[in-house]
């Protein structure tokens, strides 16, 4: 059974919002299933949603700053105590810790 045909307007919305808002929000706005949205994004070669967001994964940031993954939990706790701007983003059924780079630099300048 075939689904609805994607209109040019639907495709434009998907391309503009991919990585900006959650897949759930895109699916609701376009009145489509999450699976349908993911398949279309894959077909359009938009990449993984998480790789297109305006944030960096917290784990990637601490590695870029020269820390090891083994100290992740300790470092996360210490940074949270210092009001570090960690956000939780829902990706499908997982929750991923991310950091807005602009907020990170504002925080770093204060500290």
PDB file of N, CA and C in Angstrom:
ATOM      1  N   UNK A   1       0.844  -1.180   0.000  1.00  0.00           N
ATOM      2  CA  UNK A   1       0.000   0.000   0.000  1.00  0.00           C
ATOM      3  C   UNK A   1       0.889   1.242   0.000  1.00  0.00           C
ATOM      4  N   UNK A   2       0.709   2.087  -0.954  1.00  0.00           N
ATOM      5  CA  UNK A   2       1.523   3.297  -1.084  1.00  0.00           C
ATOM      6  C   UNK A   2       0.957   4.417  -0.229  1.00  0.00           C
ATOM      7  N   UNK A   3       1.857   5.266   0.256  1.00  0.00           N
ATOM      8  CA  UNK A   3       1.437   6.416   1.053  1.00  0.00           C
ATOM      9  C   UNK A   3       1.190   7.620   0.160  1.00  0.00           C
ATOM     10  N   UNK A   4       0.989   8.745   0.812  1.00  0.00           N
ATOM     11  CA  UNK A   4       0.762   9.982   0.064  1.00  0.00           C
ATOM     12  C   UNK A   4       2.041  10.420  -0.642  1.00  0.00           C
ATOM     13  N   UNK A   5       1.864  11.072  -1.745  1.00  0.00           N
ATOM     14  CA  UNK A   5       2.999  11.618  -2.492  1.00  0.00           C
ATOM     15  C   UNK A   5       3.492  12.873  -1.780  1.00  0.00           C
ATOM     16  N   UNK A   6       4.809  13.010  -1.712  1.00  0.00           N
ATOM     17  CA  UNK A   6       5.414  14.186  -1.087  1.00  0.00           C
ATOM     18  C   UNK A   6       5.313  15.369  -2.043  1.00  0.00           C
ATOM     19  N   UNK A   7       4.763  16.455  -1.553  1.00  0.00           N
ATOM     20  CA  UNK A   7       4.682  17.667  -2.370  1.00  0.00           C
ATOM     21  C   UNK A   7       6.008  18.415  -2.264  1.00  0.00           C
ATOM     22  N   UNK A   8       6.214  19.342  -3.169  1.00  0.00           N
ATOM     23  CA  UNK A   8       7.423  20.167  -3.122  1.00  0.00           C
ATOM     24  C   UNK A   8       7.460  20.977  -1.826  1.00  0.00           C
ATOM     25  N   UNK A   9       6.298  21.418  -1.380  1.00  0.00           N
ATOM     26  CA  UNK A   9       6.203  22.172  -0.127  1.00  0.00           C
ATOM     27  C   UNK A   9       6.611  21.299   1.065  1.00  0.00           C
ATOM     28  N   UNK A  10       6.163  20.037   1.069  1.00  0.00           N
ATOM     29  CA  UNK A  10       6.544  19.103   2.136  1.00  0.00           C
ATOM     30  C   UNK A  10       8.056  18.880   2.153  1.00  0.00           C
ATOM     31  N   UNK A  11       8.627  18.677   0.985  1.00  0.00           N
ATOM     32  CA  UNK A  11      10.068  18.435   0.872  1.00  0.00           C
ATOM     33  C   UNK A  11      10.855  19.657   1.326  1.00  0.00           C
ATOM     34  N   UNK A  12      10.419  20.835   0.929  1.00  0.00           N
ATOM     35  CA  UNK A  12      11.101  22.065   1.359  1.00  0.00           C
ATOM     36  C   UNK A  12      11.056  22.212   2.874  1.00  0.00           C
ATOM     37  N   UNK A  13       9.908  21.931   3.473  1.00  0.00           N
ATOM     38  CA  UNK A  13       9.774  22.018   4.930  1.00  0.00           C
ATOM     39  C   UNK A  13      10.729  21.029   5.601  1.00  0.00           C
ATOM     40  N   UNK A  14      10.757  19.807   5.094  1.00  0.00           N
ATOM     41  CA  UNK A  14      11.637  18.785   5.654  1.00  0.00           C
ATOM     42  C   UNK A  14      13.100  19.228   5.572  1.00  0.00           C
ATOM     43  N   UNK A  15      13.516  19.730   4.429  1.00  0.00           N
ATOM     44  CA  UNK A  15      14.906  20.166   4.258  1.00  0.00           C
ATOM     45  C   UNK A  15      15.254  21.341   5.169  1.00  0.00           C
ATOM     46  N   UNK A  16      14.328  22.261   5.353  1.00  0.00           N
ATOM     47  CA  UNK A  16      14.573  23.432   6.206  1.00  0.00           C
ATOM     48  C   UNK A  16      14.613  23.068   7.683  1.00  0.00           C
ATOM     49  N   UNK A  17      13.789  22.134   8.096  1.00  0.00           N
ATOM     50  CA  UNK A  17      13.643  21.824   9.518  1.00  0.00           C
ATOM     51  C   UNK A  17      14.475  20.637   9.992  1.00  0.00           C
ATOM     52  N   UNK A  18      15.067  19.878   9.069  1.00  0.00           N
ATOM     53  CA  UNK A  18      15.848  18.702   9.437  1.00  0.00           C
ATOM     54  C   UNK A  18      17.044  19.128  10.293  1.00  0.00           C
ATOM     55  N   UNK A  19      17.087  18.652  11.518  1.00  0.00           N
ATOM     56  CA  UNK A  19      18.154  19.019  12.438  1.00  0.00           C
ATOM     57  C   UNK A  19      17.848  20.263  13.248  1.00  0.00           C
ATOM     58  N   UNK A  20      16.781  20.976  12.900  1.00  0.00           N
ATOM     59  CA  UNK A  20      16.401  22.185  13.633  1.00  0.00           C
ATOM     60  C   UNK A  20      15.333  21.851  14.668  1.00  0.00           C
ATOM     61  N   UNK A  21      14.351  21.081  14.254  1.00  0.00           N
ATOM     62  CA  UNK A  21      13.300  20.622  15.168  1.00  0.00           C
ATOM     63  C   UNK A  21      13.292  19.095  15.152  1.00  0.00           C
ATOM     64  N   UNK A  22      12.629  18.501  16.109  1.00  0.00           N
ATOM     65  CA  UNK A  22      12.632  17.037  16.216  1.00  0.00           C
ATOM     66  C   UNK A  22      11.875  16.390  15.057  1.00  0.00           C
ATOM     67  N   UNK A  23      12.208  15.133  14.828  1.00  0.00           N
ATOM     68  CA  UNK A  23      11.526  14.363  13.784  1.00  0.00           C
ATOM     69  C   UNK A  23      10.042  14.259  14.116  1.00  0.00           C
ATOM     70  N   UNK A  24       9.721  14.140  15.401  1.00  0.00           N
ATOM     71  CA  UNK A  24       8.316  14.085  15.825  1.00  0.00           C
ATOM     72  C   UNK A  24       7.555  15.328  15.374  1.00  0.00           C
ATOM     73  N   UNK A  25       8.158  16.486  15.572  1.00  0.00           N
ATOM     74  CA  UNK A  25       7.513  17.754  15.196  1.00  0.00           C
ATOM     75  C   UNK A  25       7.319  17.823  13.684  1.00  0.00           C
ATOM     76  N   UNK A  26       8.337  17.420  12.936  1.00  0.00           N
ATOM     77  CA  UNK A  26       8.228  17.426  11.468  1.00  0.00           C
ATOM     78  C   UNK A  26       7.098  16.501  11.032  1.00  0.00           C
ATOM     79  N   UNK A  27       7.055  15.308  11.605  1.00  0.00           N
ATOM     80  CA  UNK A  27       6.018  14.335  11.240  1.00  0.00           C
ATOM     81  C   UNK A  27       4.621  14.872  11.533  1.00  0.00           C
ATOM     82  N   UNK A  28       4.450  15.484  12.694  1.00  0.00           N
ATOM     83  CA  UNK A  28       3.134  16.039  13.039  1.00  0.00           C
ATOM     84  C   UNK A  28       2.744  17.168  12.094  1.00  0.00           C
ATOM     85  N   UNK A  29       3.687  18.051  11.807  1.00  0.00           N
ATOM     86  CA  UNK A  29       3.409  19.197  10.929  1.00  0.00           C
ATOM     87  C   UNK A  29       3.001  18.732   9.529  1.00  0.00           C
ATOM     88  N   UNK A  30       3.682  17.693   9.041  1.00  0.00           N
ATOM     89  CA  UNK A  30       3.405  17.202   7.687  1.00  0.00           C
ATOM     90  C   UNK A  30       2.319  16.123   7.656  1.00  0.00           C
ATOM     91  N   UNK A  31       1.800  15.778   8.845  1.00  0.00           N
ATOM     92  CA  UNK A  31       0.777  14.738   8.955  1.00  0.00           C
ATOM     93  C   UNK A  31       1.267  13.424   8.336  1.00  0.00           C
ATOM     94  N   UNK A  32       2.474  13.034   8.760  1.00  0.00           N
ATOM     95  CA  UNK A  32       3.094  11.809   8.265  1.00  0.00           C
ATOM     96  C   UNK A  32       3.646  11.022   9.446  1.00  0.00           C
ATOM     97  N   UNK A  33       3.992   9.782   9.198  1.00  0.00           N
ATOM     98  CA  UNK A  33       4.594   8.979  10.257  1.00  0.00           C
ATOM     99  C   UNK A  33       6.070   9.357  10.402  1.00  0.00           C
ATOM    100  N   UNK A  34       6.608   9.052  11.561  1.00  0.00           N
ATOM    101  CA  UNK A  34       8.032   9.303  11.802  1.00  0.00           C
ATOM    102  C   UNK A  34       8.869   8.487  10.822  1.00  0.00           C
ATOM    103  N   UNK A  35       8.468   7.252  10.583  1.00  0.00           N
ATOM    104  CA  UNK A  35       9.189   6.397   9.641  1.00  0.00           C
ATOM    105  C   UNK A  35       9.192   7.003   8.241  1.00  0.00           C
ATOM    106  N   UNK A  36       8.064   7.533   7.819  1.00  0.00           N
ATOM    107  CA  UNK A  36       7.961   8.163   6.506  1.00  0.00           C
ATOM    108  C   UNK A  36       8.915   9.355   6.396  1.00  0.00           C
ATOM    109  N   UNK A  37       8.970  10.155   7.446  1.00  0.00           N
ATOM    110  CA  UNK A  37       9.856  11.329   7.449  1.00  0.00           C
ATOM    111  C   UNK A  37      11.313  10.890   7.379  1.00  0.00           C
ATOM    112  N   UNK A  38      11.667   9.879   8.155  1.00  0.00           N
ATOM    113  CA  UNK A  38      13.057   9.390   8.146  1.00  0.00           C
ATOM    114  C   UNK A  38      13.446   8.816   6.789  1.00  0.00           C
ATOM    115  N   UNK A  39      12.533   8.057   6.202  1.00  0.00           N
ATOM    116  CA  UNK A  39      12.818   7.469   4.888  1.00  0.00           C
ATOM    117  C   UNK A  39      13.027   8.554   3.837  1.00  0.00           C
ATOM    118  N   UNK A  40      12.189   9.587   3.877  1.00  0.00           N
ATOM    119  CA  UNK A  40      12.320  10.665   2.896  1.00  0.00           C
ATOM    120  C   UNK A  40      13.628  11.426   3.119  1.00  0.00           C
ATOM    121  N   UNK A  41      13.978  11.671   4.372  1.00  0.00           N
ATOM    122  CA  UNK A  41      15.239  12.354   4.680  1.00  0.00           C
ATOM    123  C   UNK A  41      16.422  11.534   4.175  1.00  0.00           C
ATOM    124  N   UNK A  42      16.339  10.225   4.332  1.00  0.00           N
ATOM    125  CA  UNK A  42      17.393   9.342   3.839  1.00  0.00           C
ATOM    126  C   UNK A  42      17.471   9.398   2.315  1.00  0.00           C
ATOM    127  N   UNK A  43      16.322   9.347   1.667  1.00  0.00           N
ATOM    128  CA  UNK A  43      16.262   9.422   0.206  1.00  0.00           C
ATOM    129  C   UNK A  43      16.854  10.739  -0.307  1.00  0.00           C
ATOM    130  N   UNK A  44      16.607  11.823   0.436  1.00  0.00           N
ATOM    131  CA  UNK A  44      17.125  13.142   0.053  1.00  0.00           C
ATOM    132  C   UNK A  44      18.583  13.342   0.479  1.00  0.00           C
ATOM    133  N   UNK A  45      19.145  12.325   1.129  1.00  0.00           N
ATOM    134  CA  UNK A  45      20.534  12.357   1.602  1.00  0.00           C
ATOM    135  C   UNK A  45      20.799  13.522   2.554  1.00  0.00           C
ATOM    136  N   UNK A  46      19.870  13.718   3.492  1.00  0.00           N
ATOM    137  CA  UNK A  46      20.015  14.793   4.473  1.00  0.00           C
ATOM    138  C   UNK A  46      20.936  14.398   5.621  1.00  0.00           C
ATOM    139  N   UNK A  47      21.309  13.135   5.684  1.00  0.00           N
ATOM    140  CA  UNK A  47      22.178  12.664   6.760  1.00  0.00           C
ATOM    141  C   UNK A  47      21.379  12.354   8.008  1.00  0.00           C
ATOM    142  N   UNK A  48      22.090  11.914   9.037  1.00  0.00           N
ATOM    143  CA  UNK A  48      21.429  11.613  10.304  1.00  0.00           C
ATOM    144  C   UNK A  48      20.931  12.904  10.921  1.00  0.00           C
ATOM    145  N   UNK A  49      19.773  12.831  11.547  1.00  0.00           N
ATOM    146  CA  UNK A  49      19.195  14.017  12.186  1.00  0.00           C
ATOM    147  C   UNK A  49      20.159  14.589  13.214  1.00  0.00           C
ATOM    148  N   UNK A  50      20.740  13.728  14.031  1.00  0.00           N
ATOM    149  CA  UNK A  50      21.615  14.182  15.114  1.00  0.00           C
ATOM    150  C   UNK A  50      22.858  14.890  14.576  1.00  0.00           C
ATOM    151  N   UNK A  51      23.299  14.542  13.384  1.00  0.00           N
ATOM    152  CA  UNK A  51      24.478  15.191  12.802  1.00  0.00           C
ATOM    153  C   UNK A  51      24.143  16.526  12.152  1.00  0.00           C
ATOM    154  N   UNK A  52      22.881  16.857  12.072  1.00  0.00           N
ATOM    155  CA  UNK A  52      22.456  18.106  11.441  1.00  0.00           C
ATOM    156  C   UNK A  52      21.939  19.140  12.430  1.00  0.00           C
ATOM    157  N   UNK A  53      21.927  18.798  13.700  1.00  0.00           N
ATOM    158  CA  UNK A  53      21.401  19.746  14.671  1.00  0.00           C
ATOM    159  C   UNK A  53      22.389  20.875  14.903  1.00  0.00           C
ATOM    160  N   UNK A  54      21.899  21.954  15.470  1.00  0.00           N
ATOM    161  CA  UNK A  54      22.717  23.147  15.677  1.00  0.00           C
ATOM    162  C   UNK A  54      23.570  23.043  16.940  1.00  0.00           C
ATOM    163  N   UNK A  55      23.624  21.879  17.519  1.00  0.00           N
ATOM    164  CA  UNK A  55      24.378  21.660  18.740  1.00  0.00           C
ATOM    165  C   UNK A  55      25.492  20.659  18.490  1.00  0.00           C
ATOM    166  N   UNK A  56      26.399  20.549  19.460  1.00  0.00           N
ATOM    167  CA  UNK A  56      27.426  19.512  19.424  1.00  0.00           C
ATOM    168  C   UNK A  56      27.122  18.547  20.567  1.00  0.00           C
ATOM    169  N   UNK A  57      27.361  17.270  20.329  1.00  0.00           N
ATOM    170  CA  UNK A  57      27.150  16.295  21.393  1.00  0.00           C
ATOM    171  C   UNK A  57      28.137  16.589  22.518  1.00  0.00           C
ATOM    172  N   UNK A  58      27.663  16.486  23.755  1.00  0.00           N
ATOM    173  CA  UNK A  58      28.512  16.766  24.914  1.00  0.00           C
ATOM    174  C   UNK A  58      29.760  15.889  24.898  1.00  0.00           C
ATOM    175  N   UNK A  59      29.604  14.611  24.584  1.00  0.00           N
ATOM    176  CA  UNK A  59      30.760  13.701  24.531  1.00  0.00           C
ATOM    177  C   UNK A  59      31.779  14.176  23.504  1.00  0.00           C
ATOM    178  N   UNK A  60      31.317  14.638  22.354  1.00  0.00           N
ATOM    179  CA  UNK A  60      32.238  15.134  21.325  1.00  0.00           C
ATOM    180  C   UNK A  60      32.961  16.394  21.787  1.00  0.00           C
ATOM    181  N   UNK A  61      32.257  17.242  22.518  1.00  0.00           N
ATOM    182  CA  UNK A  61      32.868  18.477  23.020  1.00  0.00           C
ATOM    183  C   UNK A  61      33.977  18.181  24.017  1.00  0.00           C
ATOM    184  N   UNK A  62      33.731  17.275  24.965  1.00  0.00           N
ATOM    185  CA  UNK A  62      34.775  17.021  25.959  1.00  0.00           C
ATOM    186  C   UNK A  62      36.007  16.370  25.325  1.00  0.00           C
ATOM    187  N   UNK A  63      35.798  15.556  24.302  1.00  0.00           N
ATOM    188  CA  UNK A  63      36.937  14.967  23.593  1.00  0.00           C
ATOM    189  C   UNK A  63      37.696  16.057  22.839  1.00  0.00           C
ATOM    190  N   UNK A  64      36.963  16.976  22.203  1.00  0.00           N
ATOM    191  CA  UNK A  64      37.602  18.084  21.482  1.00  0.00           C
ATOM    192  C   UNK A  64      38.398  18.980  22.426  1.00  0.00           C
ATOM    193  N   UNK A  65      37.977  19.045  23.679  1.00  0.00           N
ATOM    194  CA  UNK A  65      38.683  19.860  24.668  1.00  0.00           C
ATOM    195  C   UNK A  65      39.857  19.115  25.306  1.00  0.00           C
ATOM    196  N   UNK A  66      40.084  17.875  24.870  1.00  0.00           N
ATOM    197  CA  UNK A  66      41.250  17.133  25.336  1.00  0.00           C
ATOM    198  C   UNK A  66      41.012  16.171  26.484  1.00  0.00           C
ATOM    199  N   UNK A  67      39.765  15.939  26.854  1.00  0.00           N
ATOM    200  CA  UNK A  67      39.452  14.998  27.928  1.00  0.00           C
ATOM    201  C   UNK A  67      39.130  13.637  27.334  1.00  0.00           C
ATOM    202  N   UNK A  68      39.271  12.590  28.140  1.00  0.00           N
ATOM    203  CA  UNK A  68      38.973  11.242  27.655  1.00  0.00           C
ATOM    204  C   UNK A  68      37.526  10.873  27.972  1.00  0.00           C
ATOM    205  N   UNK A  69      37.029   9.888  27.269  1.00  0.00           N
ATOM    206  CA  UNK A  69      35.668   9.407  27.528  1.00  0.00           C
ATOM    207  C   UNK A  69      35.556   8.768  28.909  1.00  0.00           C
ATOM    208  N   UNK A  70      36.662   8.270  29.424  1.00  0.00           N
ATOM    209  CA  UNK A  70      36.607   7.590  30.725  1.00  0.00           C
ATOM    210  C   UNK A  70      36.258   8.545  31.861  1.00  0.00           C
ATOM    211  N   UNK A  71      36.558   9.824  31.711  1.00  0.00           N
ATOM    212  CA  UNK A  71      36.235  10.801  32.745  1.00  0.00           C
ATOM    213  C   UNK A  71      34.920  11.517  32.508  1.00  0.00           C
ATOM    214  N   UNK A  72      34.126  10.997  31.593  1.00  0.00           N
ATOM    215  CA  UNK A  72      32.886  11.643  31.164  1.00  0.00           C
ATOM    216  C   UNK A  72      31.936  11.943  32.326  1.00  0.00           C
ATOM    217  N   UNK A  73      31.616  10.938  33.125  1.00  0.00           N
ATOM    218  CA  UNK A  73      30.630  11.122  34.209  1.00  0.00           C
ATOM    219  C   UNK A  73      31.118  12.121  35.247  1.00  0.00           C
ATOM    220  N   UNK A  74      32.383  11.996  35.626  1.00  0.00           N
ATOM    221  CA  UNK A  74      32.952  12.914  36.615  1.00  0.00           C
ATOM    222  C   UNK A  74      32.929  14.345  36.084  1.00  0.00           C
ATOM    223  N   UNK A  75      33.380  14.518  34.857  1.00  0.00           N
ATOM    224  CA  UNK A  75      33.437  15.852  34.255  1.00  0.00           C
ATOM    225  C   UNK A  75      32.040  16.445  34.094  1.00  0.00           C
ATOM    226  N   UNK A  76      31.097  15.626  33.690  1.00  0.00           N
ATOM    227  CA  UNK A  76      29.719  16.099  33.524  1.00  0.00           C
ATOM    228  C   UNK A  76      29.159  16.602  34.852  1.00  0.00           C
ATOM    229  N   UNK A  77      29.387  15.858  35.921  1.00  0.00           N
ATOM    230  CA  UNK A  77      28.899  16.265  37.237  1.00  0.00           C
ATOM    231  C   UNK A  77      29.542  17.586  37.662  1.00  0.00           C
ATOM    232  N   UNK A  78      30.842  17.700  37.492  1.00  0.00           N
ATOM    233  CA  UNK A  78      31.544  18.929  37.885  1.00  0.00           C
ATOM    234  C   UNK A  78      31.049  20.130  37.075  1.00  0.00           C
ATOM    235  N   UNK A  79      30.869  19.943  35.777  1.00  0.00           N
ATOM    236  CA  UNK A  79      30.415  21.045  34.925  1.00  0.00           C
ATOM    237  C   UNK A  79      28.975  21.442  35.242  1.00  0.00           C
ATOM    238  N   UNK A  80      28.128  20.480  35.544  1.00  0.00           N
ATOM    239  CA  UNK A  80      26.742  20.810  35.919  1.00  0.00           C
ATOM    240  C   UNK A  80      26.716  21.643  37.190  1.00  0.00           C
ATOM    241  N   UNK A  81      27.633  21.334  38.120  1.00  0.00           N
ATOM    242  CA  UNK A  81      27.735  22.125  39.353  1.00  0.00           C
ATOM    243  C   UNK A  81      28.126  23.572  39.052  1.00  0.00           C
ATOM    244  N   UNK A  82      28.782  23.786  37.912  1.00  0.00           N
ATOM    245  CA  UNK A  82      29.203  25.131  37.491  1.00  0.00           C
ATOM    246  C   UNK A  82      28.219  25.754  36.499  1.00  0.00           C
ATOM    247  N   UNK A  83      27.000  25.217  36.447  1.00  0.00           N
ATOM    248  CA  UNK A  83      25.941  25.708  35.541  1.00  0.00           C
ATOM    249  C   UNK A  83      26.326  25.623  34.067  1.00  0.00           C
ATOM    250  N   UNK A  84      27.010  24.558  33.705  1.00  0.00           N
ATOM    251  CA  UNK A  84      27.379  24.331  32.306  1.00  0.00           C
ATOM    252  C   UNK A  84      26.106  24.121  31.486  1.00  0.00           C
ATOM    253  N   UNK A  85      26.021  24.723  30.297  1.00  0.00           N
ATOM    254  CA  UNK A  85      24.768  24.677  29.514  1.00  0.00           C
ATOM    255  C   UNK A  85      24.549  23.375  28.733  1.00  0.00           C
ATOM    256  N   UNK A  86      24.308  22.278  29.446  1.00  0.00           N
ATOM    257  CA  UNK A  86      24.009  20.999  28.794  1.00  0.00           C
ATOM    258  C   UNK A  86      22.504  20.915  28.570  1.00  0.00           C
ATOM    259  N   UNK A  87      22.125  20.529  27.372  1.00  0.00           N
ATOM    260  CA  UNK A  87      20.715  20.343  27.031  1.00  0.00           C
ATOM    261  C   UNK A  87      20.469  18.871  26.733  1.00  0.00           C
ATOM    262  N   UNK A  88      19.253  18.440  26.921  1.00  0.00           N
ATOM    263  CA  UNK A  88      18.858  17.077  26.576  1.00  0.00           C
ATOM    264  C   UNK A  88      17.953  17.168  25.350  1.00  0.00           C
ATOM    265  N   UNK A  89      18.338  16.489  24.281  1.00  0.00           N
ATOM    266  CA  UNK A  89      17.526  16.453  23.067  1.00  0.00           C
ATOM    267  C   UNK A  89      17.040  15.029  22.851  1.00  0.00           C
ATOM    268  N   UNK A  90      15.777  14.911  22.523  1.00  0.00           N
ATOM    269  CA  UNK A  90      15.186  13.603  22.272  1.00  0.00           C
ATOM    270  C   UNK A  90      15.397  13.246  20.806  1.00  0.00           C
ATOM    271  N   UNK A  91      16.003  12.098  20.589  1.00  0.00           N
ATOM    272  CA  UNK A  91      16.214  11.583  19.242  1.00  0.00           C
ATOM    273  C   UNK A  91      15.574  10.211  19.211  1.00  0.00           C
ATOM    274  N   UNK A  92      14.443  10.136  18.557  1.00  0.00           N
ATOM    275  CA  UNK A  92      13.646   8.923  18.545  1.00  0.00           C
ATOM    276  C   UNK A  92      13.283   8.597  19.990  1.00  0.00           C
ATOM    277  N   UNK A  93      13.735   7.476  20.505  1.00  0.00           N
ATOM    278  CA  UNK A  93      13.414   7.130  21.891  1.00  0.00           C
ATOM    279  C   UNK A  93      14.603   7.350  22.814  1.00  0.00           C
ATOM    280  N   UNK A  94      15.689   7.878  22.267  1.00  0.00           N
ATOM    281  CA  UNK A  94      16.884   8.124  23.068  1.00  0.00           C
ATOM    282  C   UNK A  94      16.961   9.594  23.450  1.00  0.00           C
ATOM    283  N   UNK A  95      17.659   9.843  24.526  1.00  0.00           N
ATOM    284  CA  UNK A  95      17.931  11.216  24.930  1.00  0.00           C
ATOM    285  C   UNK A  95      19.430  11.436  24.818  1.00  0.00           C
ATOM    286  N   UNK A  96      19.815  12.515  24.170  1.00  0.00           N
ATOM    287  CA  UNK A  96      21.224  12.805  23.938  1.00  0.00           C
ATOM    288  C   UNK A  96      21.566  14.145  24.561  1.00  0.00           C
ATOM    289  N   UNK A  97      22.704  14.182  25.240  1.00  0.00           N
ATOM    290  CA  UNK A  97      23.168  15.423  25.855  1.00  0.00           C
ATOM    291  C   UNK A  97      23.942  16.217  24.819  1.00  0.00           C
ATOM    292  N   UNK A  98      23.535  17.465  24.632  1.00  0.00           N
ATOM    293  CA  UNK A  98      24.167  18.329  23.644  1.00  0.00           C
ATOM    294  C   UNK A  98      24.477  19.684  24.267  1.00  0.00           C
ATOM    295  N   UNK A  99      25.299  20.444  23.557  1.00  0.00           N
ATOM    296  CA  UNK A  99      25.679  21.778  24.011  1.00  0.00           C
ATOM    297  C   UNK A  99      25.533  22.734  22.837  1.00  0.00           C
ATOM    298  N   UNK A 100      24.872  23.855  23.072  1.00  0.00           N
ATOM    299  CA  UNK A 100      24.791  24.930  22.085  1.00  0.00           C
ATOM    300  C   UNK A 100      26.132  25.656  22.146  1.00  0.00           C
ATOM    301  N   UNK A 101      26.852  25.693  21.040  1.00  0.00           N
ATOM    302  CA  UNK A 101      28.201  26.262  21.026  1.00  0.00           C
ATOM    303  C   UNK A 101      28.207  27.722  21.457  1.00  0.00           C
ATOM    304  N   UNK A 102      27.231  28.498  21.024  1.00  0.00           N
ATOM    305  CA  UNK A 102      27.178  29.911  21.425  1.00  0.00           C
ATOM    306  C   UNK A 102      27.013  30.041  22.935  1.00  0.00           C
ATOM    307  N   UNK A 103      26.141  29.210  23.511  1.00  0.00           N
ATOM    308  CA  UNK A 103      25.945  29.233  24.963  1.00  0.00           C
ATOM    309  C   UNK A 103      27.205  28.767  25.690  1.00  0.00           C
ATOM    310  N   UNK A 104      27.905  27.812  25.092  1.00  0.00           N
ATOM    311  CA  UNK A 104      29.156  27.336  25.684  1.00  0.00           C
ATOM    312  C   UNK A 104      30.165  28.475  25.792  1.00  0.00           C
ATOM    313  N   UNK A 105      30.324  29.245  24.704  1.00  0.00           N
ATOM    314  CA  UNK A 105      31.311  30.336  24.733  1.00  0.00           C
ATOM    315  C   UNK A 105      30.896  31.438  25.699  1.00  0.00           C
ATOM    316  N   UNK A 106      29.609  31.716  25.801  1.00  0.00           N
ATOM    317  CA  UNK A 106      29.137  32.698  26.792  1.00  0.00           C
ATOM    318  C   UNK A 106      29.466  32.215  28.202  1.00  0.00           C
ATOM    319  N   UNK A 107      29.218  30.933  28.453  1.00  0.00           N
ATOM    320  CA  UNK A 107      29.510  30.342  29.755  1.00  0.00           C
ATOM    321  C   UNK A 107      31.013  30.399  30.032  1.00  0.00           C
ATOM    322  N   UNK A 108      31.823  30.040  29.030  1.00  0.00           N
ATOM    323  CA  UNK A 108      33.279  29.998  29.204  1.00  0.00           C
ATOM    324  C   UNK A 108      33.842  31.385  29.514  1.00  0.00           C
ATOM    325  N   UNK A 109      33.307  32.419  28.879  1.00  0.00           N
ATOM    326  CA  UNK A 109      33.791  33.781  29.131  1.00  0.00           C
ATOM    327  C   UNK A 109      33.521  34.210  30.569  1.00  0.00           C
ATOM    328  N   UNK A 110      32.406  33.757  31.133  1.00  0.00           N
ATOM    329  CA  UNK A 110      32.064  34.110  32.512  1.00  0.00           C
ATOM    330  C   UNK A 110      32.934  33.359  33.517  1.00  0.00           C
ATOM    331  N   UNK A 111      33.361  32.174  33.147  1.00  0.00           N
ATOM    332  CA  UNK A 111      34.139  31.331  34.067  1.00  0.00           C
ATOM    333  C   UNK A 111      35.593  31.597  33.840  1.00  0.00           C
TER     334      UNK A 111
END
